[in-house]
Amino acid sequence: MRNQLNKLKTCNSTKGERRIAELLKKHRIKFIAKAKIKGFEVDFLIGKTIIEVDGKVHLKSNVGRDTVLFKEGYIPLHISTYNRHNLTVEKDLLNIIKNNGRRN
């Protein structure tokens, strides 16, 4: 996980992405940051779950990209940077990741 955090520090990551990485690390959830899947770069990959931290640029979800990833068996989740400090959102995110991990 340390390598994944270092990857975020050295590339053009956002404050929201770093916050989510710290949350995942704190809960000892293994993740890959800036993973490449089917030619797309995703913010985080945890098993078959994809987490995208969406900022001002991503106000609309990329439906076409999500459709391709979903067809490949991935579950794309989008988190708005406006909600990243919300404790309920963090709890829900952790529950989704943990529950999805049990299915893989």
PDB file of N, CA and C in Angstrom:
ATOM      1  N   MET A   1       0.813  -1.189   0.000  1.00  0.00           N
ATOM      2  CA  MET A   1       0.000   0.000   0.000  1.00  0.00           C
ATOM      3  C   MET A   1       0.861   1.258   0.000  1.00  0.00           C
ATOM      4  N   ARG A   2       1.998   1.172   0.627  1.00  0.00           N
ATOM      5  CA  ARG A   2       2.885   2.336   0.656  1.00  0.00           C
ATOM      6  C   ARG A   2       3.275   2.738  -0.754  1.00  0.00           C
ATOM      7  N   ASN A   3       3.550   1.736  -1.616  1.00  0.00           N
ATOM      8  CA  ASN A   3       3.917   2.047  -3.004  1.00  0.00           C
ATOM      9  C   ASN A   3       2.787   2.760  -3.724  1.00  0.00           C
ATOM     10  N   GLN A   4       1.549   2.355  -3.438  1.00  0.00           N
ATOM     11  CA  GLN A   4       0.403   2.978  -4.087  1.00  0.00           C
ATOM     12  C   GLN A   4       0.235   4.424  -3.617  1.00  0.00           C
ATOM     13  N   LEU A   5       0.488   4.674  -2.331  1.00  0.00           N
ATOM     14  CA  LEU A   5       0.424   6.052  -1.824  1.00  0.00           C
ATOM     15  C   LEU A   5       1.516   6.902  -2.444  1.00  0.00           C
ATOM     16  N   ASN A   6       2.705   6.331  -2.580  1.00  0.00           N
ATOM     17  CA  ASN A   6       3.806   7.065  -3.217  1.00  0.00           C
ATOM     18  C   ASN A   6       3.478   7.390  -4.669  1.00  0.00           C
ATOM     19  N   LYS A   7       2.809   6.453  -5.351  1.00  0.00           N
ATOM     20  CA  LYS A   7       2.415   6.690  -6.739  1.00  0.00           C
ATOM     21  C   LYS A   7       1.498   7.906  -6.828  1.00  0.00           C
ATOM     22  N   LEU A   8       0.581   8.037  -5.878  1.00  0.00           N
ATOM     23  CA  LEU A   8      -0.325   9.189  -5.880  1.00  0.00           C
ATOM     24  C   LEU A   8       0.408  10.487  -5.594  1.00  0.00           C
ATOM     25  N   LYS A   9       1.429  10.423  -4.761  1.00  0.00           N
ATOM     26  CA  LYS A   9       2.174  11.628  -4.414  1.00  0.00           C
ATOM     27  C   LYS A   9       3.025  12.127  -5.577  1.00  0.00           C
ATOM     28  N   THR A  10       3.508  11.192  -6.418  1.00  0.00           N
ATOM     29  CA  THR A  10       4.406  11.583  -7.504  1.00  0.00           C
ATOM     30  C   THR A  10       3.674  11.924  -8.799  1.00  0.00           C
ATOM     31  N   CYS A  11       2.420  11.508  -8.920  1.00  0.00           N
ATOM     32  CA  CYS A  11       1.687  11.834 -10.153  1.00  0.00           C
ATOM     33  C   CYS A  11       0.723  12.983  -9.874  1.00  0.00           C
ATOM     34  N   ASN A  12      -0.045  13.331 -10.847  1.00  0.00           N
ATOM     35  CA  ASN A  12      -0.993  14.440 -10.707  1.00  0.00           C
ATOM     36  C   ASN A  12      -2.270  13.964 -10.033  1.00  0.00           C
ATOM     37  N   SER A  13      -2.201  13.653  -8.763  1.00  0.00           N
ATOM     38  CA  SER A  13      -3.393  13.213  -8.047  1.00  0.00           C
ATOM     39  C   SER A  13      -4.046  14.411  -7.365  1.00  0.00           C
ATOM     40  N   THR A  14      -5.314  14.249  -7.069  1.00  0.00           N
ATOM     41  CA  THR A  14      -6.057  15.326  -6.422  1.00  0.00           C
ATOM     42  C   THR A  14      -6.077  15.106  -4.915  1.00  0.00           C
ATOM     43  N   LYS A  15      -6.465  16.131  -4.215  1.00  0.00           N
ATOM     44  CA  LYS A  15      -6.593  16.034  -2.764  1.00  0.00           C
ATOM     45  C   LYS A  15      -7.622  14.957  -2.398  1.00  0.00           C
ATOM     46  N   GLY A  16      -8.698  14.879  -3.182  1.00  0.00           N
ATOM     47  CA  GLY A  16      -9.732  13.867  -2.960  1.00  0.00           C
ATOM     48  C   GLY A  16      -9.199  12.458  -3.121  1.00  0.00           C
ATOM     49  N   GLU A  17      -8.376  12.239  -4.140  1.00  0.00           N
ATOM     50  CA  GLU A  17      -7.778  10.916  -4.359  1.00  0.00           C
ATOM     51  C   GLU A  17      -6.849  10.542  -3.208  1.00  0.00           C
ATOM     52  N   ARG A  18      -6.067  11.501  -2.755  1.00  0.00           N
ATOM     53  CA  ARG A  18      -5.163  11.222  -1.631  1.00  0.00           C
ATOM     54  C   ARG A  18      -5.945  10.917  -0.355  1.00  0.00           C
ATOM     55  N   ARG A  19      -7.050  11.614  -0.174  1.00  0.00           N
ATOM     56  CA  ARG A  19      -7.905  11.379   1.001  1.00  0.00           C
ATOM     57  C   ARG A  19      -8.477   9.961   0.981  1.00  0.00           C
ATOM     58  N   ILE A  20      -8.976   9.532  -0.166  1.00  0.00           N
ATOM     59  CA  ILE A  20      -9.525   8.174  -0.287  1.00  0.00           C
ATOM     60  C   ILE A  20      -8.424   7.141  -0.079  1.00  0.00           C
ATOM     61  N   ALA A  21      -7.236   7.391  -0.618  1.00  0.00           N
ATOM     62  CA  ALA A  21      -6.109   6.467  -0.435  1.00  0.00           C
ATOM     63  C   ALA A  21      -5.775   6.319   1.047  1.00  0.00           C
ATOM     64  N   GLU A  22      -5.761   7.419   1.775  1.00  0.00           N
ATOM     65  CA  GLU A  22      -5.481   7.363   3.213  1.00  0.00           C
ATOM     66  C   GLU A  22      -6.568   6.582   3.945  1.00  0.00           C
ATOM     67  N   LEU A  23      -7.818   6.757   3.538  1.00  0.00           N
ATOM     68  CA  LEU A  23      -8.925   6.027   4.143  1.00  0.00           C
ATOM     69  C   LEU A  23      -8.766   4.526   3.916  1.00  0.00           C
ATOM     70  N   LEU A  24      -8.432   4.151   2.686  1.00  0.00           N
ATOM     71  CA  LEU A  24      -8.245   2.735   2.367  1.00  0.00           C
ATOM     72  C   LEU A  24      -7.073   2.147   3.152  1.00  0.00           C
ATOM     73  N   LYS A  25      -5.997   2.903   3.235  1.00  0.00           N
ATOM     74  CA  LYS A  25      -4.823   2.457   3.977  1.00  0.00           C
ATOM     75  C   LYS A  25      -5.167   2.271   5.453  1.00  0.00           C
ATOM     76  N   LYS A  26      -5.877   3.240   6.011  1.00  0.00           N
ATOM     77  CA  LYS A  26      -6.258   3.196   7.424  1.00  0.00           C
ATOM     78  C   LYS A  26      -7.042   1.931   7.742  1.00  0.00           C
ATOM     79  N   HIS A  27      -7.869   1.483   6.783  1.00  0.00           N
ATOM     80  CA  HIS A  27      -8.698   0.297   6.984  1.00  0.00           C
ATOM     81  C   HIS A  27      -8.070  -0.970   6.391  1.00  0.00           C
ATOM     82  N   ARG A  28      -6.804  -0.840   6.011  1.00  0.00           N
ATOM     83  CA  ARG A  28      -6.021  -1.973   5.484  1.00  0.00           C
ATOM     84  C   ARG A  28      -6.697  -2.670   4.306  1.00  0.00           C
ATOM     85  N   ILE A  29      -7.208  -1.858   3.418  1.00  0.00           N
ATOM     86  CA  ILE A  29      -7.819  -2.371   2.197  1.00  0.00           C
ATOM     87  C   ILE A  29      -6.792  -2.233   1.092  1.00  0.00           C
ATOM     88  N   LYS A  30      -6.416  -3.347   0.490  1.00  0.00           N
ATOM     89  CA  LYS A  30      -5.429  -3.315  -0.584  1.00  0.00           C
ATOM     90  C   LYS A  30      -6.045  -2.714  -1.835  1.00  0.00           C
ATOM     91  N   PHE A  31      -5.283  -1.832  -2.483  1.00  0.00           N
ATOM     92  CA  PHE A  31      -5.782  -1.162  -3.676  1.00  0.00           C
ATOM     93  C   PHE A  31      -4.636  -0.896  -4.634  1.00  0.00           C
ATOM     94  N   ILE A  32      -5.018  -0.657  -5.870  1.00  0.00           N
ATOM     95  CA  ILE A  32      -4.070  -0.224  -6.890  1.00  0.00           C
ATOM     96  C   ILE A  32      -4.526   1.164  -7.331  1.00  0.00           C
ATOM     97  N   ALA A  33      -3.629   2.129  -7.223  1.00  0.00           N
ATOM     98  CA  ALA A  33      -3.937   3.494  -7.643  1.00  0.00           C
ATOM     99  C   ALA A  33      -3.546   3.675  -9.099  1.00  0.00           C
ATOM    100  N   LYS A  34      -4.349   4.443  -9.812  1.00  0.00           N
ATOM    101  CA  LYS A  34      -4.077   4.772 -11.216  1.00  0.00           C
ATOM    102  C   LYS A  34      -3.900   3.504 -12.068  1.00  0.00           C
ATOM    103  N   ALA A  35      -4.804   2.541 -11.868  1.00  0.00           N
ATOM    104  CA  ALA A  35      -4.748   1.285 -12.612  1.00  0.00           C
ATOM    105  C   ALA A  35      -5.229   1.495 -14.042  1.00  0.00           C
ATOM    106  N   LYS A  36      -4.680   0.735 -14.960  1.00  0.00           N
ATOM    107  CA  LYS A  36      -5.089   0.784 -16.366  1.00  0.00           C
ATOM    108  C   LYS A  36      -5.928  -0.462 -16.656  1.00  0.00           C
ATOM    109  N   ILE A  37      -7.153  -0.234 -17.152  1.00  0.00           N
ATOM    110  CA  ILE A  37      -8.060  -1.324 -17.496  1.00  0.00           C
ATOM    111  C   ILE A  37      -8.683  -1.019 -18.847  1.00  0.00           C
ATOM    112  N   LYS A  38      -8.495  -1.912 -19.786  1.00  0.00           N
ATOM    113  CA  LYS A  38      -9.081  -1.750 -21.125  1.00  0.00           C
ATOM    114  C   LYS A  38      -8.799  -0.379 -21.723  1.00  0.00           C
ATOM    115  N   GLY A  39      -7.605   0.132 -21.492  1.00  0.00           N
ATOM    116  CA  GLY A  39      -7.212   1.421 -22.052  1.00  0.00           C
ATOM    117  C   GLY A  39      -7.676   2.629 -21.247  1.00  0.00           C
ATOM    118  N   PHE A  40      -8.366   2.391 -20.146  1.00  0.00           N
ATOM    119  CA  PHE A  40      -8.831   3.475 -19.283  1.00  0.00           C
ATOM    120  C   PHE A  40      -7.993   3.505 -18.016  1.00  0.00           C
ATOM    121  N   GLU A  41      -7.713   4.705 -17.522  1.00  0.00           N
ATOM    122  CA  GLU A  41      -7.057   4.822 -16.223  1.00  0.00           C
ATOM    123  C   GLU A  41      -8.127   5.089 -15.180  1.00  0.00           C
ATOM    124  N   VAL A  42      -8.122   4.271 -14.125  1.00  0.00           N
ATOM    125  CA  VAL A  42      -9.085   4.451 -13.038  1.00  0.00           C
ATOM    126  C   VAL A  42      -8.331   4.910 -11.798  1.00  0.00           C
ATOM    127  N   ASP A  43      -9.014   5.654 -10.945  1.00  0.00           N
ATOM    128  CA  ASP A  43      -8.350   6.188  -9.755  1.00  0.00           C
ATOM    129  C   ASP A  43      -7.910   5.074  -8.813  1.00  0.00           C
ATOM    130  N   PHE A  44      -8.826   4.149  -8.508  1.00  0.00           N
ATOM    131  CA  PHE A  44      -8.508   3.054  -7.594  1.00  0.00           C
ATOM    132  C   PHE A  44      -9.153   1.766  -8.078  1.00  0.00           C
ATOM    133  N   LEU A  45      -8.425   0.683  -7.924  1.00  0.00           N
ATOM    134  CA  LEU A  45      -8.949  -0.640  -8.226  1.00  0.00           C
ATOM    135  C   LEU A  45      -8.801  -1.490  -6.981  1.00  0.00           C
ATOM    136  N   ILE A  46      -9.919  -2.036  -6.528  1.00  0.00           N
ATOM    137  CA  ILE A  46      -9.938  -2.911  -5.359  1.00  0.00           C
ATOM    138  C   ILE A  46     -10.698  -4.152  -5.783  1.00  0.00           C
ATOM    139  N   GLY A  47      -9.979  -5.213  -6.064  1.00  0.00           N
ATOM    140  CA  GLY A  47     -10.636  -6.401  -6.605  1.00  0.00           C
ATOM    141  C   GLY A  47     -11.272  -6.039  -7.932  1.00  0.00           C
ATOM    142  N   LYS A  48     -12.579  -6.188  -7.999  1.00  0.00           N
ATOM    143  CA  LYS A  48     -13.325  -5.816  -9.213  1.00  0.00           C
ATOM    144  C   LYS A  48     -14.083  -4.500  -9.038  1.00  0.00           C
ATOM    145  N   THR A  49     -13.811  -3.811  -7.934  1.00  0.00           N
ATOM    146  CA  THR A  49     -14.456  -2.527  -7.670  1.00  0.00           C
ATOM    147  C   THR A  49     -13.540  -1.397  -8.099  1.00  0.00           C
ATOM    148  N   ILE A  50     -14.094  -0.467  -8.857  1.00  0.00           N
ATOM    149  CA  ILE A  50     -13.368   0.716  -9.314  1.00  0.00           C
ATOM    150  C   ILE A  50     -13.933   1.917  -8.571  1.00  0.00           C
ATOM    151  N   ILE A  51     -13.044   2.719  -8.017  1.00  0.00           N
ATOM    152  CA  ILE A  51     -13.476   3.951  -7.370  1.00  0.00           C
ATOM    153  C   ILE A  51     -12.925   5.122  -8.163  1.00  0.00           C
ATOM    154  N   GLU A  52     -13.827   5.993  -8.573  1.00  0.00           N
ATOM    155  CA  GLU A  52     -13.458   7.216  -9.271  1.00  0.00           C
ATOM    156  C   GLU A  52     -13.818   8.397  -8.382  1.00  0.00           C
ATOM    157  N   VAL A  53     -12.854   9.247  -8.104  1.00  0.00           N
ATOM    158  CA  VAL A  53     -13.093  10.460  -7.327  1.00  0.00           C
ATOM    159  C   VAL A  53     -13.331  11.580  -8.327  1.00  0.00           C
ATOM    160  N   ASP A  54     -14.573  11.997  -8.419  1.00  0.00           N
ATOM    161  CA  ASP A  54     -14.972  12.968  -9.437  1.00  0.00           C
ATOM    162  C   ASP A  54     -14.973  14.383  -8.881  1.00  0.00           C
ATOM    163  N   GLY A  55     -14.295  15.274  -9.589  1.00  0.00           N
ATOM    164  CA  GLY A  55     -14.254  16.687  -9.209  1.00  0.00           C
ATOM    165  C   GLY A  55     -15.093  17.520 -10.134  1.00  0.00           C
ATOM    166  N   LYS A  56     -14.748  18.781 -10.247  1.00  0.00           N
ATOM    167  CA  LYS A  56     -15.503  19.710 -11.079  1.00  0.00           C
ATOM    168  C   LYS A  56     -15.530  19.288 -12.537  1.00  0.00           C
ATOM    169  N   VAL A  57     -14.447  18.699 -12.995  1.00  0.00           N
ATOM    170  CA  VAL A  57     -14.348  18.289 -14.397  1.00  0.00           C
ATOM    171  C   VAL A  57     -15.278  17.122 -14.695  1.00  0.00           C
ATOM    172  N   HIS A  58     -15.531  16.287 -13.684  1.00  0.00           N
ATOM    173  CA  HIS A  58     -16.314  15.069 -13.884  1.00  0.00           C
ATOM    174  C   HIS A  58     -17.709  15.182 -13.306  1.00  0.00           C
ATOM    175  N   LEU A  59     -18.350  16.314 -13.492  1.00  0.00           N
ATOM    176  CA  LEU A  59     -19.676  16.462 -12.916  1.00  0.00           C
ATOM    177  C   LEU A  59     -20.657  15.437 -13.480  1.00  0.00           C
ATOM    178  N   LYS A  60     -20.425  14.989 -14.700  1.00  0.00           N
ATOM    179  CA  LYS A  60     -21.255  13.937 -15.277  1.00  0.00           C
ATOM    180  C   LYS A  60     -20.422  12.660 -15.358  1.00  0.00           C
ATOM    181  N   SER A  61     -21.039  11.553 -15.004  1.00  0.00           N
ATOM    182  CA  SER A  61     -20.366  10.263 -15.078  1.00  0.00           C
ATOM    183  C   SER A  61     -20.095   9.906 -16.536  1.00  0.00           C
ATOM    184  N   ASN A  62     -18.981   9.257 -16.780  1.00  0.00           N
ATOM    185  CA  ASN A  62     -18.655   8.813 -18.123  1.00  0.00           C
ATOM    186  C   ASN A  62     -19.365   7.489 -18.372  1.00  0.00           C
ATOM    187  N   VAL A  63     -20.579   7.568 -18.869  1.00  0.00           N
ATOM    188  CA  VAL A  63     -21.439   6.402 -19.017  1.00  0.00           C
ATOM    189  C   VAL A  63     -20.834   5.376 -19.972  1.00  0.00           C
ATOM    190  N   GLY A  64     -20.281   5.820 -21.092  1.00  0.00           N
ATOM    191  CA  GLY A  64     -19.695   4.882 -22.050  1.00  0.00           C
ATOM    192  C   GLY A  64     -18.544   4.106 -21.449  1.00  0.00           C
ATOM    193  N   ARG A  65     -17.674   4.777 -20.766  1.00  0.00           N
ATOM    194  CA  ARG A  65     -16.533   4.141 -20.107  1.00  0.00           C
ATOM    195  C   ARG A  65     -17.000   3.167 -19.025  1.00  0.00           C
ATOM    196  N   ASP A  66     -17.956   3.609 -18.210  1.00  0.00           N
ATOM    197  CA  ASP A  66     -18.492   2.737 -17.164  1.00  0.00           C
ATOM    198  C   ASP A  66     -19.140   1.494 -17.753  1.00  0.00           C
ATOM    199  N   THR A  67     -19.817   1.646 -18.881  1.00  0.00           N
ATOM    200  CA  THR A  67     -20.472   0.511 -19.532  1.00  0.00           C
ATOM    201  C   THR A  67     -19.440  -0.524 -19.975  1.00  0.00           C
ATOM    202  N   VAL A  68     -18.343  -0.068 -20.573  1.00  0.00           N
ATOM    203  CA  VAL A  68     -17.278  -0.987 -21.002  1.00  0.00           C
ATOM    204  C   VAL A  68     -16.702  -1.716 -19.796  1.00  0.00           C
ATOM    205  N   LEU A  69     -16.407  -0.979 -18.738  1.00  0.00           N
ATOM    206  CA  LEU A  69     -15.816  -1.587 -17.545  1.00  0.00           C
ATOM    207  C   LEU A  69     -16.791  -2.549 -16.880  1.00  0.00           C
ATOM    208  N   PHE A  70     -18.068  -2.195 -16.839  1.00  0.00           N
ATOM    209  CA  PHE A  70     -19.079  -3.068 -16.249  1.00  0.00           C
ATOM    210  C   PHE A  70     -19.197  -4.372 -17.027  1.00  0.00           C
ATOM    211  N   LYS A  71     -19.167  -4.269 -18.354  1.00  0.00           N
ATOM    212  CA  LYS A  71     -19.248  -5.468 -19.197  1.00  0.00           C
ATOM    213  C   LYS A  71     -18.043  -6.385 -18.982  1.00  0.00           C
ATOM    214  N   GLU A  72     -16.930  -5.816 -18.544  1.00  0.00           N
ATOM    215  CA  GLU A  72     -15.727  -6.602 -18.259  1.00  0.00           C
ATOM    216  C   GLU A  72     -15.754  -7.184 -16.839  1.00  0.00           C
ATOM    217  N   GLY A  73     -16.839  -6.913 -16.107  1.00  0.00           N
ATOM    218  CA  GLY A  73     -16.996  -7.481 -14.771  1.00  0.00           C
ATOM    219  C   GLY A  73     -16.601  -6.565 -13.626  1.00  0.00           C
ATOM    220  N   TYR A  74     -16.330  -5.309 -13.931  1.00  0.00           N
ATOM    221  CA  TYR A  74     -15.947  -4.353 -12.892  1.00  0.00           C
ATOM    222  C   TYR A  74     -17.165  -3.574 -12.414  1.00  0.00           C
ATOM    223  N   ILE A  75     -17.092  -3.067 -11.196  1.00  0.00           N
ATOM    224  CA  ILE A  75     -18.164  -2.259 -10.635  1.00  0.00           C
ATOM    225  C   ILE A  75     -17.628  -0.850 -10.407  1.00  0.00           C
ATOM    226  N   PRO A  76     -17.970   0.091 -11.296  1.00  0.00           N
ATOM    227  CA  PRO A  76     -17.495   1.466 -11.132  1.00  0.00           C
ATOM    228  C   PRO A  76     -18.327   2.228 -10.101  1.00  0.00           C
ATOM    229  N   LEU A  77     -17.646   2.843  -9.150  1.00  0.00           N
ATOM    230  CA  LEU A  77     -18.293   3.700  -8.158  1.00  0.00           C
ATOM    231  C   LEU A  77     -17.721   5.099  -8.308  1.00  0.00           C
ATOM    232  N   HIS A  78     -18.574   6.090  -8.269  1.00  0.00           N
ATOM    233  CA  HIS A  78     -18.137   7.479  -8.378  1.00  0.00           C
ATOM    234  C   HIS A  78     -18.411   8.198  -7.068  1.00  0.00           C
ATOM    235  N   ILE A  79     -17.395   8.890  -6.585  1.00  0.00           N
ATOM    236  CA  ILE A  79     -17.520   9.681  -5.369  1.00  0.00           C
ATOM    237  C   ILE A  79     -17.223  11.130  -5.738  1.00  0.00           C
ATOM    238  N   SER A  80     -18.122  12.001  -5.382  1.00  0.00           N
ATOM    239  CA  SER A  80     -17.917  13.425  -5.636  1.00  0.00           C
ATOM    240  C   SER A  80     -16.936  13.981  -4.615  1.00  0.00           C
ATOM    241  N   THR A  81     -16.044  14.835  -5.058  1.00  0.00           N
ATOM    242  CA  THR A  81     -15.122  15.470  -4.115  1.00  0.00           C
ATOM    243  C   THR A  81     -15.882  16.324  -3.115  1.00  0.00           C
ATOM    244  N   TYR A  82     -17.099  16.679  -3.460  1.00  0.00           N
ATOM    245  CA  TYR A  82     -17.910  17.472  -2.540  1.00  0.00           C
ATOM    246  C   TYR A  82     -18.388  16.639  -1.355  1.00  0.00           C
ATOM    247  N   ASN A  83     -18.393  15.298  -1.500  1.00  0.00           N
ATOM    248  CA  ASN A  83     -18.855  14.417  -0.431  1.00  0.00           C
ATOM    249  C   ASN A  83     -17.731  13.682   0.281  1.00  0.00           C
ATOM    250  N   ARG A  84     -16.495  13.899  -0.108  1.00  0.00           N
ATOM    251  CA  ARG A  84     -15.412  13.061   0.407  1.00  0.00           C
ATOM    252  C   ARG A  84     -15.133  13.246   1.890  1.00  0.00           C
ATOM    253  N   HIS A  85     -15.581  14.330   2.489  1.00  0.00           N
ATOM    254  CA  HIS A  85     -15.374  14.531   3.926  1.00  0.00           C
ATOM    255  C   HIS A  85     -16.581  14.073   4.734  1.00  0.00           C
ATOM    256  N   ASN A  86     -17.614  13.613   4.065  1.00  0.00           N
ATOM    257  CA  ASN A  86     -18.825  13.176   4.721  1.00  0.00           C
ATOM    258  C   ASN A  86     -18.604  11.787   5.323  1.00  0.00           C
ATOM    259  N   LEU A  87     -18.726  11.648   6.641  1.00  0.00           N
ATOM    260  CA  LEU A  87     -18.469  10.374   7.309  1.00  0.00           C
ATOM    261  C   LEU A  87     -19.429   9.281   6.863  1.00  0.00           C
ATOM    262  N   THR A  88     -20.669   9.636   6.540  1.00  0.00           N
ATOM    263  CA  THR A  88     -21.624   8.642   6.062  1.00  0.00           C
ATOM    264  C   THR A  88     -21.170   8.080   4.723  1.00  0.00           C
ATOM    265  N   VAL A  89     -20.687   8.941   3.843  1.00  0.00           N
ATOM    266  CA  VAL A  89     -20.191   8.496   2.536  1.00  0.00           C
ATOM    267  C   VAL A  89     -19.000   7.560   2.733  1.00  0.00           C
ATOM    268  N   GLU A  90     -18.098   7.916   3.646  1.00  0.00           N
ATOM    269  CA  GLU A  90     -16.943   7.055   3.905  1.00  0.00           C
ATOM    270  C   GLU A  90     -17.376   5.698   4.439  1.00  0.00           C
ATOM    271  N   LYS A  91     -18.306   5.662   5.368  1.00  0.00           N
ATOM    272  CA  LYS A  91     -18.798   4.388   5.914  1.00  0.00           C
ATOM    273  C   LYS A  91     -19.451   3.555   4.820  1.00  0.00           C
ATOM    274  N   ASP A  92     -20.290   4.199   4.011  1.00  0.00           N
ATOM    275  CA  ASP A  92     -20.959   3.483   2.922  1.00  0.00           C
ATOM    276  C   ASP A  92     -19.944   2.928   1.932  1.00  0.00           C
ATOM    277  N   LEU A  93     -18.937   3.721   1.604  1.00  0.00           N
ATOM    278  CA  LEU A  93     -17.898   3.272   0.677  1.00  0.00           C
ATOM    279  C   LEU A  93     -17.181   2.045   1.233  1.00  0.00           C
ATOM    280  N   LEU A  94     -16.791   2.088   2.487  1.00  0.00           N
ATOM    281  CA  LEU A  94     -16.096   0.958   3.109  1.00  0.00           C
ATOM    282  C   LEU A  94     -16.981  -0.283   3.130  1.00  0.00           C
ATOM    283  N   ASN A  95     -18.266  -0.119   3.424  1.00  0.00           N
ATOM    284  CA  ASN A  95     -19.179  -1.268   3.424  1.00  0.00           C
ATOM    285  C   ASN A  95     -19.316  -1.879   2.038  1.00  0.00           C
ATOM    286  N   ILE A  96     -19.434  -1.040   1.028  1.00  0.00           N
ATOM    287  CA  ILE A  96     -19.544  -1.544  -0.352  1.00  0.00           C
ATOM    288  C   ILE A  96     -18.292  -2.330  -0.725  1.00  0.00           C
ATOM    289  N   ILE A  97     -17.125  -1.778  -0.419  1.00  0.00           N
ATOM    290  CA  ILE A  97     -15.866  -2.444  -0.763  1.00  0.00           C
ATOM    291  C   ILE A  97     -15.750  -3.777  -0.038  1.00  0.00           C
ATOM    292  N   LYS A  98     -16.030  -3.779   1.244  1.00  0.00           N
ATOM    293  CA  LYS A  98     -15.914  -5.015   2.025  1.00  0.00           C
ATOM    294  C   LYS A  98     -16.914  -6.061   1.568  1.00  0.00           C
ATOM    295  N   ASN A  99     -18.155  -5.658   1.304  1.00  0.00           N
ATOM    296  CA  ASN A  99     -19.167  -6.608   0.843  1.00  0.00           C
ATOM    297  C   ASN A  99     -18.861  -7.130  -0.543  1.00  0.00           C
ATOM    298  N   ASN A 100     -18.356  -6.291  -1.427  1.00  0.00           N
ATOM    299  CA  ASN A 100     -18.001  -6.732  -2.769  1.00  0.00           C
ATOM    300  C   ASN A 100     -16.812  -7.676  -2.727  1.00  0.00           C
ATOM    301  N   GLY A 101     -15.876  -7.449  -1.816  1.00  0.00           N
ATOM    302  CA  GLY A 101     -14.708  -8.313  -1.676  1.00  0.00           C
ATOM    303  C   GLY A 101     -15.085  -9.730  -1.284  1.00  0.00           C
ATOM    304  N   ARG A 102     -16.168  -9.889  -0.567  1.00  0.00           N
ATOM    305  CA  ARG A 102     -16.624 -11.222  -0.160  1.00  0.00           C
ATOM    306  C   ARG A 102     -17.148 -12.007  -1.348  1.00  0.00           C
ATOM    307  N   ARG A 103     -17.634 -11.299  -2.383  1.00  0.00           N
ATOM    308  CA  ARG A 103     -18.188 -11.972  -3.558  1.00  0.00           C
ATOM    309  C   ARG A 103     -17.121 -12.412  -4.548  1.00  0.00           C
ATOM    310  N   ASN A 104     -15.949 -11.752  -4.519  1.00  0.00           N
ATOM    311  CA  ASN A 104     -14.892 -12.059  -5.508  1.00  0.00           C
ATOM    312  C   ASN A 104     -14.179 -13.337  -5.155  1.00  0.00           C
TER     313      ASN A 104
END
